[in-house]
N, C-alpha and C. Protein backbone atom coordinates (compact mmCIF):
# COMPACT_ATOMS: atom_id res chain seq x y z
N MET A 1 85.28 97.54 49.66
CA MET A 1 85.61 96.10 49.46
C MET A 1 84.31 95.20 49.26
N ILE A 2 83.41 95.11 49.95
CA ILE A 2 81.95 94.35 49.47
C ILE A 2 80.92 95.23 49.95
N THR A 3 79.82 95.06 49.17
CA THR A 3 78.66 95.81 49.38
C THR A 3 77.27 94.83 49.65
N ILE A 4 76.89 95.36 51.00
CA ILE A 4 75.48 94.32 51.16
C ILE A 4 74.09 95.36 51.00
N THR A 5 73.29 94.61 50.06
CA THR A 5 72.27 95.70 49.78
C THR A 5 71.27 95.65 50.89
N ALA A 6 70.20 96.63 50.86
CA ALA A 6 69.41 96.85 51.88
C ALA A 6 68.62 95.47 52.03
N PRO A 7 67.87 94.92 51.12
CA PRO A 7 67.42 93.48 51.63
C PRO A 7 68.19 92.61 52.15
N ALA A 8 69.33 92.40 51.96
CA ALA A 8 70.43 91.51 52.42
C ALA A 8 70.50 91.90 54.09
N ALA A 9 70.80 93.23 54.26
CA ALA A 9 70.82 93.83 55.63
C ALA A 9 69.87 93.63 56.30
N GLU A 10 68.44 93.78 55.81
CA GLU A 10 67.12 93.65 56.80
C GLU A 10 67.20 92.09 56.88
N GLN A 11 67.37 91.34 56.29
CA GLN A 11 67.33 89.80 56.58
C GLN A 11 68.41 89.44 57.44
N ILE A 12 69.68 89.83 57.31
CA ILE A 12 70.62 89.57 58.41
C ILE A 12 70.45 90.09 59.51
N LEU A 13 69.91 91.21 59.89
CA LEU A 13 69.34 91.81 61.26
C LEU A 13 68.05 90.74 61.71
N SER A 14 67.33 90.57 60.72
CA SER A 14 66.01 89.96 61.26
C SER A 14 66.41 88.72 61.90
N GLN A 15 67.53 88.12 61.53
CA GLN A 15 67.96 86.54 62.20
C GLN A 15 68.77 86.81 63.58
N GLN A 16 68.94 88.05 63.77
CA GLN A 16 69.85 88.31 64.94
C GLN A 16 69.09 89.20 66.04
N PRO A 17 67.80 89.13 66.44
CA PRO A 17 66.86 90.28 67.01
C PRO A 17 67.41 90.54 68.30
N GLY A 18 67.44 92.00 68.74
CA GLY A 18 68.00 92.23 69.99
C GLY A 18 69.54 92.61 70.03
N ARG A 19 70.11 92.09 69.09
CA ARG A 19 71.49 92.63 69.01
C ARG A 19 72.03 93.79 68.42
N GLU A 20 72.70 94.63 69.34
CA GLU A 20 73.02 96.06 68.86
C GLU A 20 73.91 95.84 67.61
N GLU A 21 74.85 94.79 67.79
CA GLU A 21 75.82 94.95 66.49
C GLU A 21 75.63 93.06 65.96
N VAL A 22 75.91 93.11 64.94
CA VAL A 22 75.73 91.52 64.09
C VAL A 22 77.26 91.31 63.43
N CYS A 23 77.94 90.22 64.07
CA CYS A 23 79.05 89.84 63.36
C CYS A 23 78.80 88.74 62.30
N LEU A 24 78.71 89.07 60.87
CA LEU A 24 78.83 88.20 60.00
C LEU A 24 79.78 87.86 59.41
N ARG A 25 80.06 86.56 59.13
CA ARG A 25 81.45 85.97 58.40
C ARG A 25 81.04 85.75 56.98
N LEU A 26 82.12 86.21 56.12
CA LEU A 26 81.75 85.71 54.95
C LEU A 26 83.01 84.93 54.60
N ALA A 27 82.84 84.13 53.68
CA ALA A 27 84.05 83.20 53.01
C ALA A 27 84.14 82.89 51.69
N ALA A 28 84.96 82.51 50.79
CA ALA A 28 84.99 82.31 49.40
C ALA A 28 86.40 81.56 49.24
N ARG A 29 86.12 80.42 48.12
CA ARG A 29 87.15 79.75 47.91
C ARG A 29 87.11 79.23 46.43
N LEU A 30 88.05 79.05 45.62
CA LEU A 30 88.03 78.22 44.47
C LEU A 30 87.67 77.02 44.49
N ASP A 31 86.89 76.11 43.83
CA ASP A 31 86.74 74.97 44.02
C ASP A 31 87.74 74.32 42.59
N ALA A 32 87.54 72.98 42.41
CA ALA A 32 88.26 72.44 41.42
C ALA A 32 88.19 72.89 40.17
N LYS A 33 87.02 73.41 40.00
CA LYS A 33 86.60 73.96 38.66
C LYS A 33 86.84 75.41 38.21
N GLY A 34 87.49 76.05 39.20
CA GLY A 34 87.83 77.55 39.19
C GLY A 34 86.47 78.30 39.58
N THR A 35 85.54 77.67 40.09
CA THR A 35 84.28 78.71 40.40
C THR A 35 84.48 78.94 41.90
N ILE A 36 83.74 80.23 42.39
CA ILE A 36 84.10 80.57 43.81
C ILE A 36 82.95 79.91 44.25
N GLU A 37 83.09 79.43 45.68
CA GLU A 37 82.15 78.69 46.51
C GLU A 37 81.99 79.85 47.51
N TYR A 38 80.97 80.12 48.29
CA TYR A 38 80.71 81.01 49.24
C TYR A 38 80.16 80.40 50.31
N GLY A 39 80.35 81.18 51.51
CA GLY A 39 79.81 80.70 52.81
C GLY A 39 79.75 81.91 53.55
N LEU A 40 78.46 82.05 54.42
CA LEU A 40 78.22 82.90 55.13
C LEU A 40 77.63 82.50 56.69
N GLY A 41 78.09 83.04 57.76
CA GLY A 41 77.13 82.76 59.04
C GLY A 41 77.67 83.69 60.15
N TYR A 42 77.24 83.55 61.16
CA TYR A 42 77.41 84.67 62.34
C TYR A 42 78.85 83.93 63.26
N ASP A 43 79.56 84.88 63.44
CA ASP A 43 80.58 84.44 63.89
C ASP A 43 81.41 85.55 65.10
N ASP A 44 82.27 85.04 65.72
CA ASP A 44 83.19 86.11 66.49
C ASP A 44 84.34 86.44 65.68
N GLN A 45 84.92 87.56 65.98
CA GLN A 45 86.10 88.13 65.15
C GLN A 45 87.30 87.37 65.63
N ALA A 46 88.15 86.96 64.52
CA ALA A 46 89.35 86.37 64.86
C ALA A 46 90.48 87.39 64.80
N GLU A 47 91.81 87.22 65.51
CA GLU A 47 92.48 88.34 65.20
C GLU A 47 93.12 88.71 63.96
N GLU A 48 93.16 87.63 63.15
CA GLU A 48 93.66 87.93 61.52
C GLU A 48 92.60 88.74 60.78
N ASP A 49 91.35 88.35 61.18
CA ASP A 49 90.08 88.87 60.34
C ASP A 49 90.14 90.27 59.81
N ILE A 50 89.85 90.92 58.38
CA ILE A 50 89.59 91.71 57.91
C ILE A 50 88.11 92.06 58.33
N GLN A 51 88.19 93.44 58.87
CA GLN A 51 86.54 93.88 59.11
C GLN A 51 86.07 95.05 58.49
N VAL A 52 84.89 94.91 57.67
CA VAL A 52 84.25 95.97 57.18
C VAL A 52 82.91 96.31 57.79
N VAL A 53 82.61 97.52 58.08
CA VAL A 53 81.35 97.81 58.82
C VAL A 53 80.31 98.31 57.63
N ALA A 54 79.20 97.88 57.92
CA ALA A 54 78.01 98.39 57.26
C ALA A 54 76.95 98.60 58.15
N GLY A 55 76.75 99.59 58.75
CA GLY A 55 75.76 100.13 59.59
C GLY A 55 76.08 99.17 60.82
N PRO A 56 74.80 98.64 61.07
CA PRO A 56 75.03 97.58 62.49
C PRO A 56 75.55 96.22 62.20
N ILE A 57 75.95 96.04 60.95
CA ILE A 57 76.54 94.53 60.67
C ILE A 57 78.22 95.06 60.56
N ARG A 58 78.74 94.10 61.13
CA ARG A 58 80.17 94.00 61.14
C ARG A 58 80.47 92.82 60.09
N ILE A 59 80.93 92.96 59.10
CA ILE A 59 81.34 91.95 58.31
C ILE A 59 82.84 91.21 58.54
N LEU A 60 83.18 90.09 58.61
CA LEU A 60 84.39 89.31 59.02
C LEU A 60 84.62 88.56 57.96
N ILE A 61 86.08 88.73 57.42
CA ILE A 61 86.56 88.29 56.22
C ILE A 61 88.05 87.75 56.65
N SER A 62 88.35 86.44 56.62
CA SER A 62 89.77 85.88 56.68
C SER A 62 90.38 86.43 55.79
N PRO A 63 91.84 86.64 56.00
CA PRO A 63 92.66 87.09 54.69
C PRO A 63 92.79 86.41 53.44
N GLY A 64 92.42 84.82 53.64
CA GLY A 64 92.59 84.14 52.24
C GLY A 64 91.09 84.31 51.40
N SER A 65 90.22 85.03 52.08
CA SER A 65 88.94 85.27 51.14
C SER A 65 88.96 86.58 50.61
N VAL A 66 89.60 87.64 51.09
CA VAL A 66 89.83 89.03 50.71
C VAL A 66 89.72 89.10 49.40
N GLU A 67 90.66 88.53 48.59
CA GLU A 67 90.88 88.87 47.13
C GLU A 67 89.67 88.46 46.44
N LEU A 68 89.22 87.21 46.68
CA LEU A 68 87.93 86.64 45.90
C LEU A 68 86.75 87.40 46.36
N LEU A 69 86.51 88.21 47.45
CA LEU A 69 85.25 88.99 47.63
C LEU A 69 85.39 90.56 47.49
N THR A 70 86.68 91.08 47.14
CA THR A 70 86.60 92.17 46.81
C THR A 70 85.79 92.69 45.49
N GLY A 71 84.84 93.85 45.83
CA GLY A 71 84.10 94.32 44.64
C GLY A 71 82.66 93.28 44.80
N ALA A 72 82.48 92.39 45.46
CA ALA A 72 81.31 91.65 45.59
C ALA A 72 80.16 92.56 46.18
N THR A 73 78.91 91.80 45.89
CA THR A 73 77.70 92.15 46.61
C THR A 73 76.97 91.28 46.94
N LEU A 74 76.42 91.35 48.28
CA LEU A 74 75.72 90.15 48.78
C LEU A 74 74.14 90.96 48.87
N ASP A 75 73.34 90.11 48.00
CA ASP A 75 71.97 90.22 48.09
C ASP A 75 70.91 89.56 48.44
N TYR A 76 69.75 89.53 48.69
CA TYR A 76 68.81 88.90 49.38
C TYR A 76 67.79 88.77 48.33
N VAL A 77 67.46 87.63 47.54
CA VAL A 77 66.48 87.90 46.50
C VAL A 77 65.62 86.72 46.25
N GLU A 78 64.33 86.93 45.76
CA GLU A 78 63.37 85.74 45.46
C GLU A 78 63.92 85.07 44.39
N ILE A 79 64.36 83.87 44.26
CA ILE A 79 64.61 83.23 43.03
C ILE A 79 63.36 82.72 42.40
N ASN A 80 62.69 81.79 43.03
CA ASN A 80 61.27 81.54 42.54
C ASN A 80 60.40 82.04 43.33
N PRO A 81 58.95 82.17 43.07
CA PRO A 81 57.90 82.62 43.92
C PRO A 81 57.94 81.73 45.47
N GLY A 82 58.07 82.56 46.33
CA GLY A 82 58.33 82.27 47.61
C GLY A 82 59.46 81.76 48.13
N GLU A 83 60.65 81.56 47.22
CA GLU A 83 61.72 81.00 47.42
C GLU A 83 62.96 82.13 47.46
N LYS A 84 63.20 82.56 48.77
CA LYS A 84 64.33 83.72 48.88
C LYS A 84 65.46 83.29 49.18
N ARG A 85 66.51 83.83 49.05
CA ARG A 85 67.94 83.31 49.49
C ARG A 85 68.90 84.59 49.17
N PHE A 86 70.15 84.26 49.96
CA PHE A 86 71.38 85.03 49.76
C PHE A 86 71.97 84.72 48.46
N ILE A 87 72.40 85.92 47.62
CA ILE A 87 73.52 85.38 46.63
C ILE A 87 74.68 86.41 46.54
N PHE A 88 75.50 85.92 45.99
CA PHE A 88 76.51 86.88 45.64
C PHE A 88 76.74 87.37 44.11
N ILE A 89 77.04 88.46 43.98
CA ILE A 89 77.14 89.28 42.59
C ILE A 89 78.53 89.53 42.81
N ASN A 90 79.17 88.75 42.11
CA ASN A 90 80.86 88.91 42.09
C ASN A 90 81.47 88.81 40.77
N PRO A 91 82.13 90.11 40.53
CA PRO A 91 82.90 90.09 39.02
C PRO A 91 84.02 89.38 39.01
N ASN A 92 84.53 88.83 40.33
CA ASN A 92 85.81 87.81 40.32
C ASN A 92 85.34 86.40 40.15
N ASP A 93 84.16 86.06 39.95
CA ASP A 93 83.89 84.70 39.73
C ASP A 93 83.71 84.55 38.41
N PRO A 94 84.42 83.45 37.80
CA PRO A 94 84.40 83.45 36.17
C PRO A 94 83.04 82.91 35.59
N SER A 95 82.29 82.23 36.57
CA SER A 95 80.68 82.17 36.30
C SER A 95 79.75 83.55 36.29
N HIS A 96 80.50 84.66 36.73
CA HIS A 96 79.26 85.88 37.02
C HIS A 96 78.99 86.34 35.73
N LYS A 97 77.77 86.68 35.59
CA LYS A 97 77.08 87.34 34.31
C LYS A 97 76.41 88.65 34.92
N PRO A 98 76.67 89.59 34.25
CA PRO A 98 76.10 90.93 34.86
C PRO A 98 74.70 90.75 34.84
N VAL A 99 74.21 91.24 35.73
CA VAL A 99 72.59 91.26 36.07
C VAL A 99 72.34 92.84 35.50
N LYS A 100 71.03 92.48 34.29
CA LYS A 100 70.37 93.50 33.81
C LYS A 100 69.14 93.95 34.30
N ARG A 101 69.07 95.17 34.89
CA ARG A 101 67.43 95.49 35.58
C ARG A 101 66.97 96.08 34.90
N GLU A 102 65.38 95.97 35.08
CA GLU A 102 64.54 96.73 33.84
C GLU A 102 64.15 97.96 34.56
N GLY A 103 63.83 99.02 33.95
CA GLY A 103 63.33 100.03 34.41
C GLY A 103 64.16 101.24 34.34
């Protein structure tokens, strides 16, 4: 359903030290221009949530976000020197451009 890269998982876990299990909520919605807007944060599970387990990280997704997030990847990358952040690589997003990796 959704992939979390190793750098993203390391960053998620480092923000919640000492916890055996981390619950990370991912959300997505279409804005007025048809582009997907994303949200993420730590949360408790709601009854209707879809749950995906990635090692010690439990990903929580509300039913309304499932279709938009299916096939997406959450990564943690350096955008500019010294500036790192989470990004979504999502083939469902009309603004998605495939990433070409060197090597």
